[in-house]
């Protein structure tokens, strides 16, 4: 199923995705669980690429994407999108 638009609302380790063609067709919740054993000296977020990859897979059915949410969430997803050369599908982004 190809739809025209997807809007993703990003929070800390969670994303709400709305797919629509004039009216909402589907909404999806994507969440990455917090790991119990986190090393305090670890650089970067555990599973961030897995999380942003899952979000991008959910967005893939839409031709244009609008990204909203926290600064770290938006920048993390946009960095993933740029690394995987999907940036032509981003219609806009807004940090809240």
C-alpha atoms as a PDB file:
ATOM      1  CA  UNK A   1       0.000   0.000   0.000  1.00  0.00           C
ATOM      2  CA  UNK A   2       1.518   3.359  -1.040  1.00  0.00           C
ATOM      3  CA  UNK A   3       0.168   6.445   0.734  1.00  0.00           C
ATOM      4  CA  UNK A   4       0.950  10.092   0.158  1.00  0.00           C
ATOM      5  CA  UNK A   5       2.077  11.265   3.579  1.00  0.00           C
ATOM      6  CA  UNK A   6       3.457  10.086   6.886  1.00  0.00           C
ATOM      7  CA  UNK A   7       3.828  12.179  10.007  1.00  0.00           C
ATOM      8  CA  UNK A   8       6.105  10.887  12.750  1.00  0.00           C
ATOM      9  CA  UNK A   9       6.079  12.283  16.288  1.00  0.00           C
ATOM     10  CA  UNK A  10       9.340  11.393  18.065  1.00  0.00           C
ATOM     11  CA  UNK A  11       9.806  11.217  21.815  1.00  0.00           C
ATOM     12  CA  UNK A  12      12.574   9.638  23.885  1.00  0.00           C
ATOM     13  CA  UNK A  13      12.896   6.084  22.505  1.00  0.00           C
ATOM     14  CA  UNK A  14       9.364   6.128  21.082  1.00  0.00           C
ATOM     15  CA  UNK A  15       7.649   7.241  17.886  1.00  0.00           C
ATOM     16  CA  UNK A  16       4.017   7.629  16.852  1.00  0.00           C
ATOM     17  CA  UNK A  17       3.524   7.367  13.082  1.00  0.00           C
ATOM     18  CA  UNK A  18       0.409   8.482  11.198  1.00  0.00           C
ATOM     19  CA  UNK A  19      -0.089   7.461   7.564  1.00  0.00           C
ATOM     20  CA  UNK A  20      -2.692   9.291   5.533  1.00  0.00           C
ATOM     21  CA  UNK A  21      -4.115  10.233   2.146  1.00  0.00           C
ATOM     22  CA  UNK A  22      -6.451  13.052   3.137  1.00  0.00           C
ATOM     23  CA  UNK A  23      -7.699  11.099   6.169  1.00  0.00           C
ATOM     24  CA  UNK A  24      -5.752   8.968   8.639  1.00  0.00           C
ATOM     25  CA  UNK A  25      -5.384   5.451   7.267  1.00  0.00           C
ATOM     26  CA  UNK A  26      -3.274   3.936  10.026  1.00  0.00           C
ATOM     27  CA  UNK A  27      -1.327   4.890  13.118  1.00  0.00           C
ATOM     28  CA  UNK A  28       1.597   2.919  14.512  1.00  0.00           C
ATOM     29  CA  UNK A  29       3.522   3.036  17.786  1.00  0.00           C
ATOM     30  CA  UNK A  30       7.250   2.164  17.667  1.00  0.00           C
ATOM     31  CA  UNK A  31       9.175   1.866  20.915  1.00  0.00           C
ATOM     32  CA  UNK A  32      12.661   0.687  21.848  1.00  0.00           C
ATOM     33  CA  UNK A  33      12.987  -0.846  25.311  1.00  0.00           C
ATOM     34  CA  UNK A  34      15.500   0.535  27.784  1.00  0.00           C
ATOM     35  CA  UNK A  35      18.282  -1.955  28.490  1.00  0.00           C
ATOM     36  CA  UNK A  36      18.999  -2.976  32.079  1.00  0.00           C
ATOM     37  CA  UNK A  37      22.816  -3.063  31.833  1.00  0.00           C
ATOM     38  CA  UNK A  38      23.932   0.321  30.541  1.00  0.00           C
ATOM     39  CA  UNK A  39      27.603   1.212  30.725  1.00  0.00           C
ATOM     40  CA  UNK A  40      27.853   4.820  31.952  1.00  0.00           C
ATOM     41  CA  UNK A  41      30.956   5.369  29.799  1.00  0.00           C
ATOM     42  CA  UNK A  42      29.217   4.113  26.653  1.00  0.00           C
ATOM     43  CA  UNK A  43      29.207   6.705  23.886  1.00  0.00           C
ATOM     44  CA  UNK A  44      25.954   6.930  21.917  1.00  0.00           C
ATOM     45  CA  UNK A  45      22.517   5.512  22.513  1.00  0.00           C
ATOM     46  CA  UNK A  46      21.970   1.767  22.788  1.00  0.00           C
ATOM     47  CA  UNK A  47      19.969   0.496  19.833  1.00  0.00           C
ATOM     48  CA  UNK A  48      19.503   3.929  18.252  1.00  0.00           C
ATOM     49  CA  UNK A  49      20.175   2.669  14.716  1.00  0.00           C
ATOM     50  CA  UNK A  50      17.747  -0.224  15.271  1.00  0.00           C
ATOM     51  CA  UNK A  51      15.094   2.195  16.506  1.00  0.00           C
ATOM     52  CA  UNK A  52      15.542   4.733  13.694  1.00  0.00           C
ATOM     53  CA  UNK A  53      15.733   1.880  11.173  1.00  0.00           C
ATOM     54  CA  UNK A  54      12.383   0.552  12.392  1.00  0.00           C
ATOM     55  CA  UNK A  55      10.863   4.045  12.186  1.00  0.00           C
ATOM     56  CA  UNK A  56      12.199   4.454   8.623  1.00  0.00           C
ATOM     57  CA  UNK A  57      10.752   1.050   7.648  1.00  0.00           C
ATOM     58  CA  UNK A  58       7.330   2.162   8.929  1.00  0.00           C
ATOM     59  CA  UNK A  59       7.620   5.445   6.992  1.00  0.00           C
ATOM     60  CA  UNK A  60       8.670   3.682   3.781  1.00  0.00           C
ATOM     61  CA  UNK A  61       5.072   3.219   2.566  1.00  0.00           C
ATOM     62  CA  UNK A  62       4.619   7.003   2.242  1.00  0.00           C
ATOM     63  CA  UNK A  63       5.974   9.229  -0.513  1.00  0.00           C
ATOM     64  CA  UNK A  64       6.591  12.252   1.776  1.00  0.00           C
ATOM     65  CA  UNK A  65       7.507  12.403   5.443  1.00  0.00           C
ATOM     66  CA  UNK A  66       6.960  15.107   8.072  1.00  0.00           C
ATOM     67  CA  UNK A  67       9.089  14.716  11.201  1.00  0.00           C
ATOM     68  CA  UNK A  68       8.114  16.296  14.545  1.00  0.00           C
ATOM     69  CA  UNK A  69       9.376  15.923  18.073  1.00  0.00           C
ATOM     70  CA  UNK A  70      12.238  16.393  20.467  1.00  0.00           C
ATOM     71  CA  UNK A  71      15.561  17.758  19.273  1.00  0.00           C
ATOM     72  CA  UNK A  72      17.471  14.532  19.905  1.00  0.00           C
ATOM     73  CA  UNK A  73      14.763  12.416  18.274  1.00  0.00           C
ATOM     74  CA  UNK A  74      14.460  14.582  15.163  1.00  0.00           C
ATOM     75  CA  UNK A  75      18.214  14.948  14.718  1.00  0.00           C
ATOM     76  CA  UNK A  76      18.767  11.226  15.287  1.00  0.00           C
ATOM     77  CA  UNK A  77      16.173  10.242  12.693  1.00  0.00           C
ATOM     78  CA  UNK A  78      17.375  12.863  10.208  1.00  0.00           C
ATOM     79  CA  UNK A  79      20.966  11.634  10.609  1.00  0.00           C
ATOM     80  CA  UNK A  80      19.796   8.060   9.937  1.00  0.00           C
ATOM     81  CA  UNK A  81      17.791   9.223   6.896  1.00  0.00           C
ATOM     82  CA  UNK A  82      20.791  11.111   5.471  1.00  0.00           C
ATOM     83  CA  UNK A  83      23.173   8.177   6.040  1.00  0.00           C
ATOM     84  CA  UNK A  84      20.785   5.899   4.137  1.00  0.00           C
ATOM     85  CA  UNK A  85      20.117   8.474   1.380  1.00  0.00           C
ATOM     86  CA  UNK A  86      16.372   8.783   2.055  1.00  0.00           C
ATOM     87  CA  UNK A  87      16.416  12.572   2.534  1.00  0.00           C
ATOM     88  CA  UNK A  88      14.522  13.294  -0.704  1.00  0.00           C
ATOM     89  CA  UNK A  89      11.349  12.056   0.983  1.00  0.00           C
ATOM     90  CA  UNK A  90      11.463  14.475   3.941  1.00  0.00           C
ATOM     91  CA  UNK A  91       8.884  17.225   3.353  1.00  0.00           C
ATOM     92  CA  UNK A  92       9.655  18.999   6.613  1.00  0.00           C
ATOM     93  CA  UNK A  93      10.885  18.724  10.187  1.00  0.00           C
ATOM     94  CA  UNK A  94       9.951  20.687  13.299  1.00  0.00           C
ATOM     95  CA  UNK A  95      11.654  20.465  16.674  1.00  0.00           C
ATOM     96  CA  UNK A  96       9.332  21.077  19.621  1.00  0.00           C
END
